[in-house]
Amino acid sequence: MSDGVASELTEEQFLERVTQLCAAAPSLSQLGAGILLAARLGICSDSRAFARIFGIEHALVLREVTDLAEKGLLTVVDRNARTQRTSIALTETSSDLLLRT
């Protein structure tokens, strides 16, 4: 999706899409679904930016990113050793899931 779609998306619409994604993949937490959706919409592509934008502790985001990577839904592209900022990318599996919802 384009950046234009992300900028036009309201908070309520974003949360509705998170709920739809959780319904389509019950193993996803709301936080995990939010991370995947934010990556898909181009809202953010790293853990620190997600934590800042959504007001969530970075440690919780890092834990969820690790879980999503273990499930094959995210690829860790880079990790800053000092700050733990983790750059992420969607996998084919998560892209397919996001297209279905």
C-alpha atoms as a PDB file:
ATOM      1  CA  MET A   1       0.000   0.000   0.000  1.00  0.00           C
ATOM      2  CA  SER A   2       1.122   3.503  -0.600  1.00  0.00           C
ATOM      3  CA  ASP A   3       2.125   6.049   2.016  1.00  0.00           C
ATOM      4  CA  GLY A   4      -1.011   7.963   1.029  1.00  0.00           C
ATOM      5  CA  VAL A   5      -3.168   5.130   2.351  1.00  0.00           C
ATOM      6  CA  ALA A   6      -1.290   5.088   5.662  1.00  0.00           C
ATOM      7  CA  SER A   7      -1.630   8.847   6.098  1.00  0.00           C
ATOM      8  CA  GLU A   8      -5.383   8.667   5.409  1.00  0.00           C
ATOM      9  CA  LEU A   9      -5.931   5.812   7.848  1.00  0.00           C
ATOM     10  CA  THR A  10      -7.500   6.888  11.136  1.00  0.00           C
ATOM     11  CA  GLU A  11      -6.574   5.342  14.471  1.00  0.00           C
ATOM     12  CA  GLU A  12      -9.965   3.633  14.556  1.00  0.00           C
ATOM     13  CA  GLN A  13      -9.458   2.166  11.072  1.00  0.00           C
ATOM     14  CA  PHE A  14      -5.978   0.954  12.012  1.00  0.00           C
ATOM     15  CA  LEU A  15      -7.333  -0.778  15.126  1.00  0.00           C
ATOM     16  CA  GLU A  16     -10.156  -2.305  13.087  1.00  0.00           C
ATOM     17  CA  ARG A  17      -7.600  -3.769  10.674  1.00  0.00           C
ATOM     18  CA  VAL A  18      -5.569  -5.092  13.619  1.00  0.00           C
ATOM     19  CA  THR A  19      -8.718  -6.834  14.900  1.00  0.00           C
ATOM     20  CA  GLN A  20      -9.383  -8.326  11.447  1.00  0.00           C
ATOM     21  CA  LEU A  21      -5.810  -9.576  11.226  1.00  0.00           C
ATOM     22  CA  CYS A  22      -6.067 -11.194  14.685  1.00  0.00           C
ATOM     23  CA  ALA A  23      -9.307 -12.888  13.625  1.00  0.00           C
ATOM     24  CA  ALA A  24      -7.642 -14.239  10.471  1.00  0.00           C
ATOM     25  CA  ALA A  25      -4.590 -15.445  12.422  1.00  0.00           C
ATOM     26  CA  PRO A  26      -5.599 -16.259  16.016  1.00  0.00           C
ATOM     27  CA  SER A  27      -1.985 -16.971  17.017  1.00  0.00           C
ATOM     28  CA  LEU A  28      -1.188 -13.257  16.561  1.00  0.00           C
ATOM     29  CA  SER A  29      -1.387 -10.877  19.476  1.00  0.00           C
ATOM     30  CA  GLN A  30      -2.802  -7.420  18.884  1.00  0.00           C
ATOM     31  CA  LEU A  31       0.698  -6.003  19.248  1.00  0.00           C
ATOM     32  CA  GLY A  32       2.059  -8.451  16.690  1.00  0.00           C
ATOM     33  CA  ALA A  33      -0.740  -7.667  14.269  1.00  0.00           C
ATOM     34  CA  GLY A  34      -0.077  -3.960  14.750  1.00  0.00           C
ATOM     35  CA  ILE A  35       3.615  -4.382  13.985  1.00  0.00           C
ATOM     36  CA  LEU A  36       2.872  -6.344  10.814  1.00  0.00           C
ATOM     37  CA  LEU A  37       0.256  -3.857   9.687  1.00  0.00           C
ATOM     38  CA  ALA A  38       2.482  -0.855  10.410  1.00  0.00           C
ATOM     39  CA  ALA A  39       5.284  -2.449   8.384  1.00  0.00           C
ATOM     40  CA  ARG A  40       2.880  -3.202   5.519  1.00  0.00           C
ATOM     41  CA  LEU A  41       1.496   0.332   5.467  1.00  0.00           C
ATOM     42  CA  GLY A  42       4.949   1.907   5.594  1.00  0.00           C
ATOM     43  CA  ILE A  43       4.234   3.557   8.945  1.00  0.00           C
ATOM     44  CA  CYS A  44       7.516   2.267  10.351  1.00  0.00           C
ATOM     45  CA  SER A  45      10.095  -0.385   9.616  1.00  0.00           C
ATOM     46  CA  ASP A  46      11.941  -0.659  12.916  1.00  0.00           C
ATOM     47  CA  SER A  47      11.134  -1.483  16.512  1.00  0.00           C
ATOM     48  CA  ARG A  48      12.150   1.851  18.025  1.00  0.00           C
ATOM     49  CA  ALA A  49       9.984   3.881  15.621  1.00  0.00           C
ATOM     50  CA  PHE A  50       7.002   1.598  16.266  1.00  0.00           C
ATOM     51  CA  ALA A  51       7.450   1.949  20.033  1.00  0.00           C
ATOM     52  CA  ARG A  52       7.690   5.738  19.771  1.00  0.00           C
ATOM     53  CA  ILE A  53       4.754   6.188  17.374  1.00  0.00           C
ATOM     54  CA  PHE A  54       2.407   3.900  19.303  1.00  0.00           C
ATOM     55  CA  GLY A  55       3.591   4.768  22.823  1.00  0.00           C
ATOM     56  CA  ILE A  56       4.646   1.238  23.754  1.00  0.00           C
ATOM     57  CA  GLU A  57       7.749   0.254  25.698  1.00  0.00           C
ATOM     58  CA  HIS A  58      10.543  -0.683  23.302  1.00  0.00           C
ATOM     59  CA  ALA A  59      11.281  -3.874  25.257  1.00  0.00           C
ATOM     60  CA  LEU A  60       7.732  -5.136  24.617  1.00  0.00           C
ATOM     61  CA  VAL A  61       8.041  -4.381  20.917  1.00  0.00           C
ATOM     62  CA  LEU A  62      11.404  -6.180  20.773  1.00  0.00           C
ATOM     63  CA  ARG A  63       9.904  -9.239  22.437  1.00  0.00           C
ATOM     64  CA  GLU A  64       7.052  -9.285  19.921  1.00  0.00           C
ATOM     65  CA  VAL A  65       9.422  -8.779  16.969  1.00  0.00           C
ATOM     66  CA  THR A  66      11.426 -11.783  18.165  1.00  0.00           C
ATOM     67  CA  ASP A  67       8.247 -13.859  18.417  1.00  0.00           C
ATOM     68  CA  LEU A  68       7.093 -12.804  14.936  1.00  0.00           C
ATOM     69  CA  ALA A  69      10.519 -13.645  13.498  1.00  0.00           C
ATOM     70  CA  GLU A  70      10.424 -17.082  15.147  1.00  0.00           C
ATOM     71  CA  LYS A  71       6.993 -17.672  13.573  1.00  0.00           C
ATOM     72  CA  GLY A  72       8.381 -16.735  10.146  1.00  0.00           C
ATOM     73  CA  LEU A  73       6.278 -13.588   9.858  1.00  0.00           C
ATOM     74  CA  LEU A  74       9.139 -11.071  10.041  1.00  0.00           C
ATOM     75  CA  THR A  75      12.739 -10.955   8.975  1.00  0.00           C
ATOM     76  CA  VAL A  76      15.211  -9.073  11.126  1.00  0.00           C
ATOM     77  CA  VAL A  77      17.169  -6.964   8.656  1.00  0.00           C
ATOM     78  CA  ASP A  78      19.490  -5.206  11.098  1.00  0.00           C
ATOM     79  CA  ARG A  79      19.950  -4.712  14.832  1.00  0.00           C
ATOM     80  CA  ASN A  80      21.865  -1.897  16.495  1.00  0.00           C
ATOM     81  CA  ALA A  81      23.870  -3.466  19.307  1.00  0.00           C
ATOM     82  CA  ARG A  82      23.810  -0.320  21.462  1.00  0.00           C
ATOM     83  CA  THR A  83      20.158   0.754  21.151  1.00  0.00           C
ATOM     84  CA  GLN A  84      18.639  -2.608  20.152  1.00  0.00           C
ATOM     85  CA  ARG A  85      16.758  -0.785  17.344  1.00  0.00           C
ATOM     86  CA  THR A  86      15.722  -3.658  15.111  1.00  0.00           C
ATOM     87  CA  SER A  87      14.957  -3.089  11.447  1.00  0.00           C
ATOM     88  CA  ILE A  88      12.337  -5.473  10.119  1.00  0.00           C
ATOM     89  CA  ALA A  89      10.842  -6.653   6.851  1.00  0.00           C
ATOM     90  CA  LEU A  90       7.756  -8.676   6.105  1.00  0.00           C
ATOM     91  CA  THR A  91       8.170 -12.235   4.888  1.00  0.00           C
ATOM     92  CA  GLU A  92       6.245 -13.822   2.055  1.00  0.00           C
ATOM     93  CA  THR A  93       4.060 -15.555   4.647  1.00  0.00           C
ATOM     94  CA  SER A  94       3.099 -12.325   6.415  1.00  0.00           C
ATOM     95  CA  SER A  95       2.612 -10.505   3.122  1.00  0.00           C
ATOM     96  CA  ASP A  96       0.189 -13.207   1.984  1.00  0.00           C
ATOM     97  CA  LEU A  97      -1.661 -13.020   5.310  1.00  0.00           C
ATOM     98  CA  LEU A  98      -1.959  -9.241   5.073  1.00  0.00           C
ATOM     99  CA  LEU A  99      -3.267  -9.440   1.520  1.00  0.00           C
ATOM    100  CA  ARG A 100      -6.026 -11.831   2.610  1.00  0.00           C
ATOM    101  CA  THR A 101      -7.320  -9.495   5.322  1.00  0.00           C
END
